[in-house]
Amino acid sequence: MLIGELSRHTGVSTRLLRYYEAQGVLRARRGTNGYRFYDDDAVVTVRQVRALLEAGLSTEVIRVVLPCVRGERPDFEWCAELWDILNGELEAMNEHIGDLQRRRDVLAGFVRDL
């Protein structure tokens, strides 16, 4: 299918689909005319990428874990190092949440003192 068709099937803009391709999380074949052609499974891949982005993963991490992803939900096939990667991402998020909570508390103190 062409990029416009993939966009309609997934609700993702063609610009974003090109970005996913540039980031290495979506593959396209090129015709002799230069048009991008996607296999039917690209719809599932885009939905997987969207779900993983929603979980807070970067496209760099998604590129690494995507081969271990199955289905649109997505589900994981526990490949080598996948646990370490996802656990590391979760720990980083927890640290970030802690930092945000501390900043929020400081800001709330400023507001209370006004």
C-alpha atoms as a PDB file:
ATOM      1  CA  MET A   1       0.000   0.000   0.000  1.00  0.00           C
ATOM      2  CA  LEU A   2       1.064   3.583  -0.544  1.00  0.00           C
ATOM      3  CA  ILE A   3       1.835   5.987   2.294  1.00  0.00           C
ATOM      4  CA  GLY A   4      -1.562   7.715   1.962  1.00  0.00           C
ATOM      5  CA  GLU A   5      -3.358   4.403   2.357  1.00  0.00           C
ATOM      6  CA  LEU A   6      -1.281   3.540   5.420  1.00  0.00           C
ATOM      7  CA  SER A   7      -2.102   6.957   6.839  1.00  0.00           C
ATOM      8  CA  ARG A   8      -5.839   6.380   6.342  1.00  0.00           C
ATOM      9  CA  HIS A   9      -5.691   2.879   7.873  1.00  0.00           C
ATOM     10  CA  THR A  10      -3.792   4.032  10.959  1.00  0.00           C
ATOM     11  CA  GLY A  11      -4.859   7.651  11.456  1.00  0.00           C
ATOM     12  CA  VAL A  12      -1.187   8.665  11.476  1.00  0.00           C
ATOM     13  CA  SER A  13      -0.092  11.514   9.215  1.00  0.00           C
ATOM     14  CA  THR A  14       2.134  10.825   6.242  1.00  0.00           C
ATOM     15  CA  ARG A  15       4.712  13.174   7.739  1.00  0.00           C
ATOM     16  CA  LEU A  16       4.848  11.084  10.906  1.00  0.00           C
ATOM     17  CA  LEU A  17       5.049   7.859   8.888  1.00  0.00           C
ATOM     18  CA  ARG A  18       8.086   9.262   7.064  1.00  0.00           C
ATOM     19  CA  TYR A  19       9.588  10.177  10.448  1.00  0.00           C
ATOM     20  CA  TYR A  20       9.040   6.607  11.689  1.00  0.00           C
ATOM     21  CA  GLU A  21      10.828   5.349   8.599  1.00  0.00           C
ATOM     22  CA  ALA A  22      13.731   7.742   9.190  1.00  0.00           C
ATOM     23  CA  GLN A  23      13.961   6.525  12.790  1.00  0.00           C
ATOM     24  CA  GLY A  24      14.134   2.904  11.649  1.00  0.00           C
ATOM     25  CA  VAL A  25      10.863   1.735  13.229  1.00  0.00           C
ATOM     26  CA  LEU A  26       8.940   1.396   9.956  1.00  0.00           C
ATOM     27  CA  ARG A  27      10.151  -0.075   6.684  1.00  0.00           C
ATOM     28  CA  ALA A  28       9.068   0.822   3.192  1.00  0.00           C
ATOM     29  CA  ARG A  29      10.094  -0.419  -0.196  1.00  0.00           C
ATOM     30  CA  ARG A  30      10.641   2.108  -2.950  1.00  0.00           C
ATOM     31  CA  GLY A  31       9.190   1.749  -6.402  1.00  0.00           C
ATOM     32  CA  THR A  32      11.059   2.873  -9.493  1.00  0.00           C
ATOM     33  CA  ASN A  33       9.029   6.075  -9.260  1.00  0.00           C
ATOM     34  CA  GLY A  34      10.365   6.690  -5.728  1.00  0.00           C
ATOM     35  CA  TYR A  35       7.009   6.066  -4.054  1.00  0.00           C
ATOM     36  CA  ARG A  36       6.973   4.281  -0.725  1.00  0.00           C
ATOM     37  CA  PHE A  37       5.224   0.918  -0.662  1.00  0.00           C
ATOM     38  CA  TYR A  38       4.276  -0.737   2.612  1.00  0.00           C
ATOM     39  CA  ASP A  39       3.342  -4.340   3.268  1.00  0.00           C
ATOM     40  CA  ASP A  40      -0.032  -5.054   4.898  1.00  0.00           C
ATOM     41  CA  ASP A  41       1.683  -5.757   8.229  1.00  0.00           C
ATOM     42  CA  ALA A  42       2.788  -2.091   8.361  1.00  0.00           C
ATOM     43  CA  VAL A  43      -0.630  -1.227   9.832  1.00  0.00           C
ATOM     44  CA  VAL A  44       0.114  -3.421  12.848  1.00  0.00           C
ATOM     45  CA  THR A  45       3.657  -2.054  13.080  1.00  0.00           C
ATOM     46  CA  VAL A  46       2.411   1.540  13.183  1.00  0.00           C
ATOM     47  CA  ARG A  47      -0.112   0.637  15.887  1.00  0.00           C
ATOM     48  CA  GLN A  48       2.648  -1.056  17.882  1.00  0.00           C
ATOM     49  CA  VAL A  49       4.866   1.996  17.550  1.00  0.00           C
ATOM     50  CA  ARG A  50       2.024   4.289  18.667  1.00  0.00           C
ATOM     51  CA  ALA A  51       1.337   2.084  21.716  1.00  0.00           C
ATOM     52  CA  LEU A  52       5.010   2.027  22.683  1.00  0.00           C
ATOM     53  CA  LEU A  53       5.286   5.797  22.246  1.00  0.00           C
ATOM     54  CA  GLU A  54       2.201   6.161  24.459  1.00  0.00           C
ATOM     55  CA  ALA A  55       4.070   4.114  27.083  1.00  0.00           C
ATOM     56  CA  GLY A  56       6.787   6.761  27.009  1.00  0.00           C
ATOM     57  CA  LEU A  57       9.435   4.893  25.041  1.00  0.00           C
ATOM     58  CA  SER A  58      11.620   6.796  22.590  1.00  0.00           C
ATOM     59  CA  THR A  59      11.889   5.756  18.959  1.00  0.00           C
ATOM     60  CA  GLU A  60      15.477   4.719  19.717  1.00  0.00           C
ATOM     61  CA  VAL A  61      14.255   2.226  22.340  1.00  0.00           C
ATOM     62  CA  ILE A  62      11.320   1.182  20.159  1.00  0.00           C
ATOM     63  CA  ARG A  63      13.712   0.344  17.310  1.00  0.00           C
ATOM     64  CA  VAL A  64      15.505  -2.078  19.659  1.00  0.00           C
ATOM     65  CA  VAL A  65      12.426  -3.713  21.215  1.00  0.00           C
ATOM     66  CA  LEU A  66      10.145  -3.775  18.150  1.00  0.00           C
ATOM     67  CA  PRO A  67      11.418  -7.160  16.916  1.00  0.00           C
ATOM     68  CA  CYS A  68      10.155  -8.620  20.217  1.00  0.00           C
ATOM     69  CA  VAL A  69       6.659  -7.116  19.895  1.00  0.00           C
ATOM     70  CA  ARG A  70       3.668  -9.166  18.762  1.00  0.00           C
ATOM     71  CA  GLY A  71       0.123  -7.981  18.054  1.00  0.00           C
ATOM     72  CA  GLU A  72      -1.428  -4.541  18.214  1.00  0.00           C
ATOM     73  CA  ARG A  73      -1.827  -4.449  21.988  1.00  0.00           C
ATOM     74  CA  PRO A  74       1.247  -4.989  21.947  1.00  0.00           C
ATOM     75  CA  ASP A  75       2.412  -8.167  23.616  1.00  0.00           C
ATOM     76  CA  PHE A  76       6.076  -9.002  24.072  1.00  0.00           C
ATOM     77  CA  GLU A  77       8.009 -12.081  23.164  1.00  0.00           C
ATOM     78  CA  TRP A  78      10.651 -11.953  25.860  1.00  0.00           C
ATOM     79  CA  CYS A  79      13.763 -11.639  23.705  1.00  0.00           C
ATOM     80  CA  ALA A  80      17.265 -11.360  25.082  1.00  0.00           C
ATOM     81  CA  GLU A  81      17.842  -8.104  26.986  1.00  0.00           C
ATOM     82  CA  LEU A  82      14.211  -6.983  26.609  1.00  0.00           C
ATOM     83  CA  TRP A  83      13.590  -7.197  30.356  1.00  0.00           C
ATOM     84  CA  ASP A  84      16.676  -5.079  31.102  1.00  0.00           C
ATOM     85  CA  ILE A  85      15.726  -2.454  28.519  1.00  0.00           C
ATOM     86  CA  LEU A  86      12.113  -2.077  29.662  1.00  0.00           C
ATOM     87  CA  ASN A  87      13.032  -2.242  33.337  1.00  0.00           C
ATOM     88  CA  GLY A  88      15.662   0.467  32.773  1.00  0.00           C
ATOM     89  CA  GLU A  89      13.077   2.658  31.050  1.00  0.00           C
ATOM     90  CA  LEU A  90      10.672   2.134  33.947  1.00  0.00           C
ATOM     91  CA  GLU A  91      13.335   3.054  36.503  1.00  0.00           C
ATOM     92  CA  ALA A  92      14.175   6.210  34.538  1.00  0.00           C
ATOM     93  CA  MET A  93      10.482   7.166  34.473  1.00  0.00           C
ATOM     94  CA  ASN A  94      10.197   6.594  38.216  1.00  0.00           C
ATOM     95  CA  GLU A  95      13.189   8.872  38.818  1.00  0.00           C
ATOM     96  CA  HIS A  96      11.656  11.505  36.557  1.00  0.00           C
ATOM     97  CA  ILE A  97       8.355  11.279  38.433  1.00  0.00           C
ATOM     98  CA  GLY A  98      10.230  11.747  41.705  1.00  0.00           C
ATOM     99  CA  ASP A  99      12.013  14.813  40.322  1.00  0.00           C
ATOM    100  CA  LEU A 100       8.727  16.272  39.092  1.00  0.00           C
ATOM    101  CA  GLN A 101       7.088  15.653  42.475  1.00  0.00           C
ATOM    102  CA  ARG A 102       9.932  17.455  44.259  1.00  0.00           C
ATOM    103  CA  ARG A 103       9.692  20.391  41.846  1.00  0.00           C
ATOM    104  CA  ARG A 104       5.938  20.491  42.278  1.00  0.00           C
ATOM    105  CA  ASP A 105       6.326  20.605  46.064  1.00  0.00           C
ATOM    106  CA  VAL A 106       8.774  23.521  45.816  1.00  0.00           C
ATOM    107  CA  LEU A 107       6.485  25.422  43.459  1.00  0.00           C
ATOM    108  CA  ALA A 108       3.467  24.718  45.664  1.00  0.00           C
ATOM    109  CA  GLY A 109       5.444  26.174  48.573  1.00  0.00           C
ATOM    110  CA  PHE A 110       6.077  29.352  46.602  1.00  0.00           C
ATOM    111  CA  VAL A 111       2.362  29.659  45.800  1.00  0.00           C
ATOM    112  CA  ARG A 112       1.345  29.094  49.431  1.00  0.00           C
ATOM    113  CA  ASP A 113       3.756  31.824  50.537  1.00  0.00           C
ATOM    114  CA  LEU A 114       2.206  34.452  48.244  1.00  0.00           C
END
